[in-house]
C-alpha atoms as a PDB file:
ATOM      1  CA  MET A   1      43.019 173.857  -4.948  1.00  0.00           C
ATOM      2  CA  ASN A   2      46.062 175.950  -5.873  1.00  0.00           C
ATOM      3  CA  ASN A   3      44.546 178.915  -4.039  1.00  0.00           C
ATOM      4  CA  ILE A   4      44.039 176.791  -0.925  1.00  0.00           C
ATOM      5  CA  ILE A   5      47.637 175.560  -0.943  1.00  0.00           C
ATOM      6  CA  ALA A   6      48.996 179.060  -1.632  1.00  0.00           C
ATOM      7  CA  SER A   7      47.051 180.442   1.343  1.00  0.00           C
ATOM      8  CA  PHE A   8      49.058 178.203   3.692  1.00  0.00           C
ATOM      9  CA  PHE A   9      52.321 179.874   2.615  1.00  0.00           C
ATOM     10  CA  SER A  10      51.240 183.462   3.145  1.00  0.00           C
ATOM     11  CA  ALA A  11      51.975 186.043   5.845  1.00  0.00           C
ATOM     12  CA  SER A  12      48.283 186.149   6.740  1.00  0.00           C
ATOM     13  CA  PHE A  13      48.305 182.424   7.524  1.00  0.00           C
ATOM     14  CA  LEU A  14      51.264 182.801   9.892  1.00  0.00           C
ATOM     15  CA  PHE A  15      49.448 185.724  11.505  1.00  0.00           C
ATOM     16  CA  ILE A  16      46.448 183.423  12.077  1.00  0.00           C
ATOM     17  CA  VAL A  17      48.699 180.673  13.472  1.00  0.00           C
ATOM     18  CA  ILE A  18      50.086 183.077  16.070  1.00  0.00           C
ATOM     19  CA  ARG A  19      46.613 184.359  16.925  1.00  0.00           C
ATOM     20  CA  VAL A  20      45.108 180.907  17.481  1.00  0.00           C
ATOM     21  CA  GLY A  21      48.304 179.515  19.011  1.00  0.00           C
ATOM     22  CA  ILE A  22      48.610 181.953  21.925  1.00  0.00           C
ATOM     23  CA  PRO A  23      45.827 180.432  24.092  1.00  0.00           C
ATOM     24  CA  LEU A  24      47.319 177.001  23.397  1.00  0.00           C
ATOM     25  CA  LEU A  25      50.730 178.276  24.516  1.00  0.00           C
ATOM     26  CA  PHE A  26      49.248 179.716  27.712  1.00  0.00           C
ATOM     27  CA  ALA A  27      47.626 176.316  28.371  1.00  0.00           C
ATOM     28  CA  SER A  28      50.737 174.258  27.635  1.00  0.00           C
ATOM     29  CA  MET A  29      52.924 176.517  29.804  1.00  0.00           C
ATOM     30  CA  SER A  30      50.361 176.201  32.604  1.00  0.00           C
ATOM     31  CA  ALA A  31      50.481 172.414  32.444  1.00  0.00           C
ATOM     32  CA  TYR A  32      54.281 172.454  32.107  1.00  0.00           C
ATOM     33  CA  VAL A  33      55.219 174.516  35.168  1.00  0.00           C
ATOM     34  CA  ALA A  34      52.889 172.466  37.374  1.00  0.00           C
ATOM     35  CA  SER A  35      54.011 169.046  36.140  1.00  0.00           C
ATOM     36  CA  LEU A  36      57.687 170.002  36.322  1.00  0.00           C
ATOM     37  CA  SER A  37      57.420 170.322  40.105  1.00  0.00           C
ATOM     38  CA  GLY A  38      55.408 167.117  40.438  1.00  0.00           C
ATOM     39  CA  ILE A  39      51.858 168.514  40.460  1.00  0.00           C
ATOM     40  CA  LEU A  40      49.483 167.272  37.760  1.00  0.00           C
ATOM     41  CA  ASN A  41      47.248 170.184  36.749  1.00  0.00           C
ATOM     42  CA  ILE A  42      44.313 168.692  34.878  1.00  0.00           C
ATOM     43  CA  ALA A  43      42.251 171.814  35.661  1.00  0.00           C
ATOM     44  CA  VAL A  44      43.812 173.993  32.944  1.00  0.00           C
ATOM     45  CA  GLU A  45      40.586 173.969  30.936  1.00  0.00           C
ATOM     46  CA  GLY A  46      38.445 174.962  33.918  1.00  0.00           C
ATOM     47  CA  ILE A  47      40.768 177.768  34.998  1.00  0.00           C
ATOM     48  CA  MET A  48      40.762 179.101  31.429  1.00  0.00           C
ATOM     49  CA  ILE A  49      36.950 179.187  31.542  1.00  0.00           C
ATOM     50  CA  PHE A  50      37.042 181.174  34.783  1.00  0.00           C
ATOM     51  CA  GLY A  51      39.671 183.522  33.349  1.00  0.00           C
ATOM     52  CA  ALA A  52      37.548 184.193  30.265  1.00  0.00           C
ATOM     53  CA  LEU A  53      34.349 184.728  32.260  1.00  0.00           C
ATOM     54  CA  PHE A  54      35.703 186.893  35.073  1.00  0.00           C
ATOM     55  CA  GLY A  55      37.853 188.956  32.719  1.00  0.00           C
ATOM     56  CA  VAL A  56      34.669 190.045  30.975  1.00  0.00           C
ATOM     57  CA  TYR A  57      32.760 190.530  34.241  1.00  0.00           C
ATOM     58  CA  PHE A  58      35.434 192.517  36.081  1.00  0.00           C
ATOM     59  CA  SER A  59      36.139 194.735  33.066  1.00  0.00           C
ATOM     60  CA  ALA A  60      32.434 195.481  32.693  1.00  0.00           C
ATOM     61  CA  LEU A  61      32.082 196.169  36.419  1.00  0.00           C
ATOM     62  CA  SER A  62      35.107 198.479  36.580  1.00  0.00           C
ATOM     63  CA  HIS A  63      34.824 199.920  33.041  1.00  0.00           C
ATOM     64  CA  SER A  64      38.521 199.101  32.644  1.00  0.00           C
ATOM     65  CA  ALA A  65      40.171 196.291  30.712  1.00  0.00           C
ATOM     66  CA  TRP A  66      43.275 196.582  32.900  1.00  0.00           C
ATOM     67  CA  ILE A  67      41.331 196.077  36.142  1.00  0.00           C
ATOM     68  CA  GLY A  68      39.592 193.173  34.425  1.00  0.00           C
ATOM     69  CA  LEU A  69      42.999 191.682  33.638  1.00  0.00           C
ATOM     70  CA  LEU A  70      44.075 192.137  37.251  1.00  0.00           C
ATOM     71  CA  GLY A  71      40.909 190.325  38.316  1.00  0.00           C
ATOM     72  CA  VAL A  72      41.823 187.471  35.974  1.00  0.00           C
ATOM     73  CA  ILE A  73      45.197 187.095  37.711  1.00  0.00           C
ATOM     74  CA  VAL A  74      43.431 187.004  41.097  1.00  0.00           C
ATOM     75  CA  ILE A  75      40.966 184.366  39.856  1.00  0.00           C
ATOM     76  CA  GLY A  76      43.810 182.241  38.477  1.00  0.00           C
ATOM     77  CA  THR A  77      45.573 182.466  41.828  1.00  0.00           C
ATOM     78  CA  VAL A  78      42.430 181.531  43.770  1.00  0.00           C
ATOM     79  CA  CYS A  79      41.745 178.526  41.522  1.00  0.00           C
ATOM     80  CA  SER A  80      45.321 177.306  41.882  1.00  0.00           C
ATOM     81  CA  LEU A  81      45.188 177.700  45.674  1.00  0.00           C
ATOM     82  CA  ILE A  82      41.993 175.623  45.768  1.00  0.00           C
ATOM     83  CA  LEU A  83      43.701 172.963  43.672  1.00  0.00           C
ATOM     84  CA  ALA A  84      46.797 173.093  45.898  1.00  0.00           C
ATOM     85  CA  PHE A  85      44.657 172.753  49.041  1.00  0.00           C
ATOM     86  CA  PHE A  86      43.029 169.545  47.859  1.00  0.00           C
ATOM     87  CA  THR A  87      46.112 167.962  46.273  1.00  0.00           C
ATOM     88  CA  MET A  88      48.820 169.050  48.721  1.00  0.00           C
ATOM     89  CA  LYS A  89      46.983 169.548  52.004  1.00  0.00           C
ATOM     90  CA  MET A  90      44.132 167.047  51.774  1.00  0.00           C
ATOM     91  CA  LYS A  91      46.175 164.568  49.688  1.00  0.00           C
ATOM     92  CA  ALA A  92      43.353 164.148  47.180  1.00  0.00           C
ATOM     93  CA  ASP A  93      44.089 162.584  43.809  1.00  0.00           C
ATOM     94  CA  ALA A  94      45.372 165.357  41.521  1.00  0.00           C
ATOM     95  CA  ALA A  95      43.602 164.062  38.419  1.00  0.00           C
ATOM     96  CA  MET A  96      40.243 163.745  40.174  1.00  0.00           C
ATOM     97  CA  SER A  97      40.620 167.197  41.765  1.00  0.00           C
ATOM     98  CA  GLY A  98      41.406 168.724  38.382  1.00  0.00           C
ATOM     99  CA  ILE A  99      38.471 167.028  36.678  1.00  0.00           C
ATOM    100  CA  ALA A 100      36.167 168.191  39.477  1.00  0.00           C
ATOM    101  CA  LEU A 101      37.338 171.787  39.001  1.00  0.00           C
ATOM    102  CA  ASN A 102      36.829 171.508  35.243  1.00  0.00           C
ATOM    103  CA  LEU A 103      33.268 170.255  35.652  1.00  0.00           C
ATOM    104  CA  PHE A 104      32.524 172.893  38.291  1.00  0.00           C
ATOM    105  CA  ALA A 105      33.861 175.682  36.063  1.00  0.00           C
ATOM    106  CA  SER A 106      31.885 174.467  33.064  1.00  0.00           C
ATOM    107  CA  ASP A 107      28.572 174.464  34.936  1.00  0.00           C
ATOM    108  CA  ILE A 108      28.990 177.407  37.305  1.00  0.00           C
ATOM    109  CA  SER A 109      30.085 179.659  34.443  1.00  0.00           C
ATOM    110  CA  ILE A 110      26.737 179.116  32.704  1.00  0.00           C
ATOM    111  CA  TRP A 111      24.854 179.797  35.942  1.00  0.00           C
ATOM    112  CA  LEU A 112      26.823 182.985  36.631  1.00  0.00           C
ATOM    113  CA  LEU A 113      26.347 184.101  33.032  1.00  0.00           C
ATOM    114  CA  LEU A 114      22.593 183.625  33.418  1.00  0.00           C
ATOM    115  CA  ILE A 115      22.553 185.681  36.638  1.00  0.00           C
ATOM    116  CA  TRP A 116      24.672 188.513  35.215  1.00  0.00           C
ATOM    117  CA  THR A 117      23.176 188.730  31.726  1.00  0.00           C
ATOM    118  CA  GLY A 118      19.959 186.713  31.643  1.00  0.00           C
ATOM    119  CA  SER A 119      21.486 184.567  28.903  1.00  0.00           C
ATOM    120  CA  LYS A 120      23.096 181.130  28.958  1.00  0.00           C
ATOM    121  CA  GLY A 121      24.885 181.742  25.673  1.00  0.00           C
ATOM    122  CA  THR A 122      27.006 184.895  25.684  1.00  0.00           C
ATOM    123  CA  SER A 123      27.878 187.981  27.713  1.00  0.00           C
ATOM    124  CA  ALA A 124      26.960 190.307  24.839  1.00  0.00           C
ATOM    125  CA  SER A 125      24.748 192.429  27.094  1.00  0.00           C
ATOM    126  CA  LEU A 126      27.653 193.243  29.433  1.00  0.00           C
ATOM    127  CA  PRO A 127      29.600 196.405  28.511  1.00  0.00           C
ATOM    128  CA  SER A 128      32.923 194.592  28.830  1.00  0.00           C
ATOM    129  CA  LYS A 129      36.219 196.039  27.677  1.00  0.00           C
ATOM    130  CA  VAL A 130      38.906 194.557  25.459  1.00  0.00           C
ATOM    131  CA  LEU A 131      42.674 194.851  25.677  1.00  0.00           C
ATOM    132  CA  PRO A 132      44.360 196.824  22.895  1.00  0.00           C
ATOM    133  CA  THR A 133      46.181 195.534  19.869  1.00  0.00           C
ATOM    134  CA  ILE A 134      49.829 196.544  19.570  1.00  0.00           C
ATOM    135  CA  ASN A 135      51.406 197.868  16.392  1.00  0.00           C
ATOM    136  CA  ILE A 136      55.157 197.581  16.872  1.00  0.00           C
ATOM    137  CA  PRO A 137      56.990 200.722  15.689  1.00  0.00           C
ATOM    138  CA  ILE A 138      59.332 200.260  12.706  1.00  0.00           C
ATOM    139  CA  ILE A 139      58.587 196.509  12.490  1.00  0.00           C
ATOM    140  CA  LYS A 140      54.985 197.178  11.412  1.00  0.00           C
ATOM    141  CA  ASP A 141      56.328 198.882   8.280  1.00  0.00           C
ATOM    142  CA  ILE A 142      58.596 195.973   7.263  1.00  0.00           C
ATOM    143  CA  PRO A 143      56.992 193.941   4.453  1.00  0.00           C
ATOM    144  CA  ILE A 144      55.868 190.426   5.409  1.00  0.00           C
ATOM    145  CA  LEU A 145      57.559 190.508   8.834  1.00  0.00           C
ATOM    146  CA  GLY A 146      55.347 193.389   9.949  1.00  0.00           C
ATOM    147  CA  GLN A 147      52.264 191.541   8.705  1.00  0.00           C
ATOM    148  CA  ILE A 148      53.199 188.482  10.753  1.00  0.00           C
ATOM    149  CA  ILE A 149      54.339 189.779  14.138  1.00  0.00           C
ATOM    150  CA  SER A 150      52.775 193.243  14.452  1.00  0.00           C
ATOM    151  CA  GLY A 151      49.148 194.097  15.154  1.00  0.00           C
ATOM    152  CA  HIS A 152      48.437 191.300  17.632  1.00  0.00           C
ATOM    153  CA  TYR A 153      46.536 191.559  20.900  1.00  0.00           C
ATOM    154  CA  PHE A 154      48.332 192.848  23.990  1.00  0.00           C
ATOM    155  CA  LEU A 155      48.266 189.396  25.628  1.00  0.00           C
ATOM    156  CA  THR A 156      50.062 187.911  22.615  1.00  0.00           C
ATOM    157  CA  TYR A 157      53.227 189.776  23.514  1.00  0.00           C
ATOM    158  CA  VAL A 158      52.662 189.095  27.208  1.00  0.00           C
ATOM    159  CA  CYS A 159      52.529 185.383  26.388  1.00  0.00           C
ATOM    160  CA  ILE A 160      55.789 185.529  24.417  1.00  0.00           C
ATOM    161  CA  ALA A 161      57.454 187.419  27.282  1.00  0.00           C
ATOM    162  CA  LEU A 162      56.159 184.850  29.777  1.00  0.00           C
ATOM    163  CA  ALA A 163      57.488 181.991  27.621  1.00  0.00           C
ATOM    164  CA  ILE A 164      60.948 183.585  27.774  1.00  0.00           C
ATOM    165  CA  PHE A 165      60.490 184.084  31.524  1.00  0.00           C
ATOM    166  CA  VAL A 166      59.528 180.420  32.057  1.00  0.00           C
ATOM    167  CA  TYR A 167      62.540 179.252  30.026  1.00  0.00           C
ATOM    168  CA  ILE A 168      64.923 181.409  32.094  1.00  0.00           C
ATOM    169  CA  LEU A 169      63.210 180.378  35.340  1.00  0.00           C
ATOM    170  CA  VAL A 170      63.456 176.666  34.596  1.00  0.00           C
ATOM    171  CA  TYR A 171      66.881 176.452  32.975  1.00  0.00           C
ATOM    172  CA  LYS A 172      68.849 179.391  34.384  1.00  0.00           C
ATOM    173  CA  THR A 173      67.817 179.788  38.036  1.00  0.00           C
ATOM    174  CA  PRO A 174      68.200 177.721  41.230  1.00  0.00           C
ATOM    175  CA  PHE A 175      64.412 177.732  41.626  1.00  0.00           C
ATOM    176  CA  GLY A 176      64.102 175.973  38.279  1.00  0.00           C
ATOM    177  CA  MET A 177      66.502 173.286  39.505  1.00  0.00           C
ATOM    178  CA  HIS A 178      64.383 172.936  42.634  1.00  0.00           C
ATOM    179  CA  MET A 179      61.249 172.510  40.507  1.00  0.00           C
ATOM    180  CA  LYS A 180      62.894 169.707  38.544  1.00  0.00           C
ATOM    181  CA  ALA A 181      64.141 168.045  41.727  1.00  0.00           C
ATOM    182  CA  CYS A 182      60.666 168.123  43.279  1.00  0.00           C
ATOM    183  CA  GLY A 183      59.183 166.603  40.146  1.00  0.00           C
ATOM    184  CA  LEU A 184      61.781 163.847  39.879  1.00  0.00           C
ATOM    185  CA  ASP A 185      61.914 162.776  43.538  1.00  0.00           C
ATOM    186  CA  ALA A 186      60.254 164.826  46.275  1.00  0.00           C
ATOM    187  CA  ASP A 187      61.841 162.802  49.091  1.00  0.00           C
ATOM    188  CA  ALA A 188      65.346 163.252  47.689  1.00  0.00           C
ATOM    189  CA  ALA A 189      64.705 166.976  47.221  1.00  0.00           C
ATOM    190  CA  LEU A 190      63.488 167.248  50.805  1.00  0.00           C
ATOM    191  CA  SER A 191      66.576 165.439  52.081  1.00  0.00           C
ATOM    192  CA  VAL A 192      68.882 168.109  50.619  1.00  0.00           C
ATOM    193  CA  GLY A 193      66.929 170.989  52.144  1.00  0.00           C
ATOM    194  CA  ILE A 194      64.576 171.939  49.325  1.00  0.00           C
ATOM    195  CA  LYS A 195      61.203 173.128  50.620  1.00  0.00           C
ATOM    196  CA  VAL A 196      59.098 170.902  48.387  1.00  0.00           C
ATOM    197  CA  ASN A 197      55.681 172.237  49.386  1.00  0.00           C
ATOM    198  CA  LYS A 198      56.792 175.839  48.905  1.00  0.00           C
ATOM    199  CA  VAL A 199      58.228 175.120  45.459  1.00  0.00           C
ATOM    200  CA  ARG A 200      55.107 173.238  44.412  1.00  0.00           C
ATOM    201  CA  LEU A 201      52.807 175.954  45.736  1.00  0.00           C
ATOM    202  CA  ILE A 202      54.618 178.655  43.757  1.00  0.00           C
ATOM    203  CA  SER A 203      54.557 176.428  40.675  1.00  0.00           C
ATOM    204  CA  ILE A 204      50.820 175.734  40.897  1.00  0.00           C
ATOM    205  CA  ILE A 205      50.069 179.440  41.443  1.00  0.00           C
ATOM    206  CA  LEU A 206      52.100 180.316  38.343  1.00  0.00           C
ATOM    207  CA  SER A 207      50.275 177.544  36.501  1.00  0.00           C
ATOM    208  CA  GLY A 208      46.887 178.963  37.502  1.00  0.00           C
ATOM    209  CA  ILE A 209      47.799 182.496  36.443  1.00  0.00           C
ATOM    210  CA  LEU A 210      49.010 181.294  33.041  1.00  0.00           C
ATOM    211  CA  ALA A 211      45.804 179.325  32.446  1.00  0.00           C
ATOM    212  CA  ALA A 212      43.611 182.255  33.520  1.00  0.00           C
ATOM    213  CA  LEU A 213      45.495 184.605  31.173  1.00  0.00           C
ATOM    214  CA  GLY A 214      44.847 182.122  28.371  1.00  0.00           C
ATOM    215  CA  GLY A 215      41.138 182.424  29.096  1.00  0.00           C
ATOM    216  CA  ALA A 216      41.337 186.221  29.247  1.00  0.00           C
ATOM    217  CA  TYR A 217      43.000 186.223  25.824  1.00  0.00           C
ATOM    218  CA  LEU A 218      39.916 184.542  24.395  1.00  0.00           C
ATOM    219  CA  SER A 219      37.311 186.921  25.857  1.00  0.00           C
ATOM    220  CA  MET A 220      39.265 190.187  26.012  1.00  0.00           C
ATOM    221  CA  GLY A 221      40.991 190.112  22.647  1.00  0.00           C
ATOM    222  CA  TYR A 222      40.283 187.139  20.391  1.00  0.00           C
ATOM    223  CA  MET A 223      36.596 187.910  20.963  1.00  0.00           C
ATOM    224  CA  PRO A 224      35.076 190.845  22.879  1.00  0.00           C
ATOM    225  CA  ILE A 225      32.624 188.626  24.793  1.00  0.00           C
ATOM    226  CA  PHE A 226      32.430 185.430  26.811  1.00  0.00           C
ATOM    227  CA  SER A 227      30.469 182.575  25.296  1.00  0.00           C
ATOM    228  CA  ASN A 228      29.514 179.122  26.500  1.00  0.00           C
ATOM    229  CA  ASN A 229      32.249 176.538  25.787  1.00  0.00           C
ATOM    230  CA  MET A 230      34.577 179.321  24.702  1.00  0.00           C
ATOM    231  CA  THR A 231      37.746 177.411  25.513  1.00  0.00           C
ATOM    232  CA  ALA A 232      36.759 174.566  23.153  1.00  0.00           C
ATOM    233  CA  SER A 233      39.205 172.050  24.708  1.00  0.00           C
ATOM    234  CA  ARG A 234      42.225 174.340  24.326  1.00  0.00           C
ATOM    235  CA  GLY A 235      43.237 173.496  27.889  1.00  0.00           C
ATOM    236  CA  TRP A 236      43.290 169.803  27.059  1.00  0.00           C
ATOM    237  CA  ILE A 237      45.362 170.449  23.938  1.00  0.00           C
ATOM    238  CA  GLY A 238      47.841 172.341  26.132  1.00  0.00           C
ATOM    239  CA  ILE A 239      48.004 169.371  28.495  1.00  0.00           C
ATOM    240  CA  ALA A 240      48.652 167.099  25.502  1.00  0.00           C
ATOM    241  CA  ALA A 241      51.463 169.393  24.276  1.00  0.00           C
ATOM    242  CA  ASN A 242      53.050 169.223  27.710  1.00  0.00           C
ATOM    243  CA  ALA A 243      52.780 165.426  27.688  1.00  0.00           C
ATOM    244  CA  VAL A 244      54.537 165.279  24.327  1.00  0.00           C
ATOM    245  CA  GLY A 245      57.327 167.499  25.663  1.00  0.00           C
ATOM    246  CA  GLN A 246      58.078 165.213  28.636  1.00  0.00           C
ATOM    247  CA  GLY A 247      59.699 167.962  30.682  1.00  0.00           C
ATOM    248  CA  ASN A 248      61.578 169.644  27.817  1.00  0.00           C
ATOM    249  CA  PHE A 249      60.187 173.158  27.480  1.00  0.00           C
ATOM    250  CA  LEU A 250      61.412 173.665  23.912  1.00  0.00           C
ATOM    251  CA  ILE A 251      59.670 170.493  22.766  1.00  0.00           C
ATOM    252  CA  VAL A 252      56.514 171.628  24.571  1.00  0.00           C
ATOM    253  CA  ILE A 253      56.626 174.881  22.593  1.00  0.00           C
ATOM    254  CA  LEU A 254      57.293 172.980  19.354  1.00  0.00           C
ATOM    255  CA  ALA A 255      54.332 170.649  19.984  1.00  0.00           C
ATOM    256  CA  THR A 256      52.144 173.661  20.763  1.00  0.00           C
ATOM    257  CA  PHE A 257      53.249 175.287  17.509  1.00  0.00           C
ATOM    258  CA  VAL A 258      52.284 172.154  15.560  1.00  0.00           C
ATOM    259  CA  PHE A 259      48.839 172.144  17.176  1.00  0.00           C
ATOM    260  CA  ALA A 260      48.529 175.880  16.423  1.00  0.00           C
ATOM    261  CA  ILE A 261      49.286 175.223  12.742  1.00  0.00           C
ATOM    262  CA  ALA A 262      46.533 172.595  12.758  1.00  0.00           C
ATOM    263  CA  GLN A 263      44.107 175.127  14.260  1.00  0.00           C
ATOM    264  CA  GLY A 264      45.237 177.725  11.732  1.00  0.00           C
ATOM    265  CA  ILE A 265      44.485 175.274   8.922  1.00  0.00           C
ATOM    266  CA  VAL A 266      40.996 174.820  10.373  1.00  0.00           C
ATOM    267  CA  ASN A 267      40.414 178.579  10.412  1.00  0.00           C
ATOM    268  CA  ASN A 268      41.728 178.944   6.874  1.00  0.00           C
ATOM    269  CA  LEU A 269      39.584 176.129   5.511  1.00  0.00           C
ATOM    270  CA  ALA A 270      36.538 177.453   7.348  1.00  0.00           C
ATOM    271  CA  LEU A 271      36.846 180.712   5.420  1.00  0.00           C
ATOM    272  CA  MET A 272      36.635 178.659   2.222  1.00  0.00           C
ATOM    273  CA  GLN A 273      33.270 177.224   3.316  1.00  0.00           C
ATOM    274  CA  LEU A 274      34.432 173.638   3.531  1.00  0.00           C
ATOM    275  CA  PRO A 275      32.456 171.224   5.790  1.00  0.00           C
ATOM    276  CA  SER A 276      33.072 172.423   9.372  1.00  0.00           C
ATOM    277  CA  GLU A 277      32.256 169.009  10.860  1.00  0.00           C
ATOM    278  CA  LEU A 278      35.237 167.528   9.029  1.00  0.00           C
ATOM    279  CA  ILE A 279      37.843 170.265   9.314  1.00  0.00           C
ATOM    280  CA  ASN A 280      37.207 170.825  13.046  1.00  0.00           C
ATOM    281  CA  THR A 281      38.636 167.374  13.718  1.00  0.00           C
ATOM    282  CA  ILE A 282      42.094 168.343  12.402  1.00  0.00           C
ATOM    283  CA  PRO A 283      43.570 169.687  15.702  1.00  0.00           C
ATOM    284  CA  TYR A 284      42.339 166.653  17.623  1.00  0.00           C
ATOM    285  CA  LEU A 285      43.782 164.287  15.027  1.00  0.00           C
ATOM    286  CA  CYS A 286      47.121 166.065  15.489  1.00  0.00           C
ATOM    287  CA  VAL A 287      46.834 165.607  19.259  1.00  0.00           C
ATOM    288  CA  MET A 288      46.117 161.895  18.793  1.00  0.00           C
ATOM    289  CA  ILE A 289      49.101 161.512  16.461  1.00  0.00           C
ATOM    290  CA  GLY A 290      51.331 163.337  18.952  1.00  0.00           C
ATOM    291  CA  LEU A 291      50.223 161.106  21.817  1.00  0.00           C
ATOM    292  CA  ILE A 292      50.707 157.975  19.681  1.00  0.00           C
ATOM    293  CA  ILE A 293      54.271 159.090  18.877  1.00  0.00           C
ATOM    294  CA  LEU A 294      54.837 159.702  22.598  1.00  0.00           C
ATOM    295  CA  SER A 295      53.536 156.240  23.470  1.00  0.00           C
ATOM    296  CA  VAL A 296      55.813 154.615  20.881  1.00  0.00           C
ATOM    297  CA  ARG A 297      58.822 156.514  22.270  1.00  0.00           C
ATOM    298  CA  ASN A 298      58.008 155.455  25.817  1.00  0.00           C
ATOM    299  CA  TYR A 299      57.553 151.843  24.719  1.00  0.00           C
ATOM    300  CA  GLN A 300      60.917 151.838  22.958  1.00  0.00           C
ATOM    301  CA  LYS A 301      62.630 153.337  26.027  1.00  0.00           C
ATOM    302  CA  ALA A 302      61.021 150.712  28.259  1.00  0.00           C
ATOM    303  CA  ARG A 303      62.307 147.900  26.006  1.00  0.00           C
ATOM    304  CA  LYS A 304      65.836 149.328  26.011  1.00  0.00           C
ATOM    305  CA  ASN A 305      65.867 149.513  29.803  1.00  0.00           C
ATOM    306  CA  LYS A 306      64.974 145.838  30.212  1.00  0.00           C
END
C-alpha cells in the first residue's frame, strides 16, 4: 500500500498525467471555443475518431507523419463545416446534429478500417508514421523537472501552445470579445455590428481542428496505430470539463487537469494488476462528481436570483 501511495507523488506519475491529459485538453478546448460563441459541439468525440483514423491513413499513404498531421487538420475542418452547415444554415438542433456525427464516425471508421486493412480491430497492417517525441535542451537534464516536462510527444507541446493561444484569443483580443457576445446574446451582438455567423463559423472550425488534433495525438503518438473505440469517451469528458468551467477557460483547464489525474491514477493502478473493471470507473466517477457540483452551484445561483 505504501508503494502505491508513494507512486502518486513521483515525477513519473506527473509525466503520465500530462501524457493522458493532453487528449482531454484538446477535447475540452474544442468544446470550449464552440460553446463560447453559442454553438454546442457535441461531436467532439466523433471528430476525434476521424482525426485518429485519418491521421494514420494519410501518414501511411504519404509515408510522412507531417502530411498525415496536415490531413488531420483538413478532416477536422471538414467535419466542423458539416456541423456548421446543419446547425447554422439548416437550423438543425445542435445536440442532435452532434450525436448524429458521433454515431456516423463510430460506425464509418470501422467500415473504412475494414476496407483499408481487412480488420475491424486495428490499423496494424498499415505502415503509418508517428510524430516525434521532443527532448527539451537543458531542461531534460534538470532532475525531476526534466523527467516531468521533457520527452513528451510533439503534439503535447502543440497542445500547450494552443491553450496559451486560446487564452490570448478569448481574453486579450477583440475577436474573443465578439465570441463571448455571440454566446451571450446573438441578437444584441448583431445589433452592434458583430458578424455573428462569421464569428461562429471561425469558432466551430477552430473547435473541429482542436478535436481532430486530439484524435491524432492518440494514433500518432500515444499509440502508433488506430484501434476501434480508441477515443474511449475522451471527447465526452472534454465536454464535461467545459460544462464545469461555465465559460471560464482557466476553470475548464483545472477541471481537465483533475480528470487527467483520475486517468493517471487508473493507468498507475493498472500497472499494479488491480481489477481493471473497477479502476476504469474512476475518471467517470470524477466526471459525475464534477457535474453534481456544477448542478448544485447552478441551483444555488437560481435560488439567489429569485
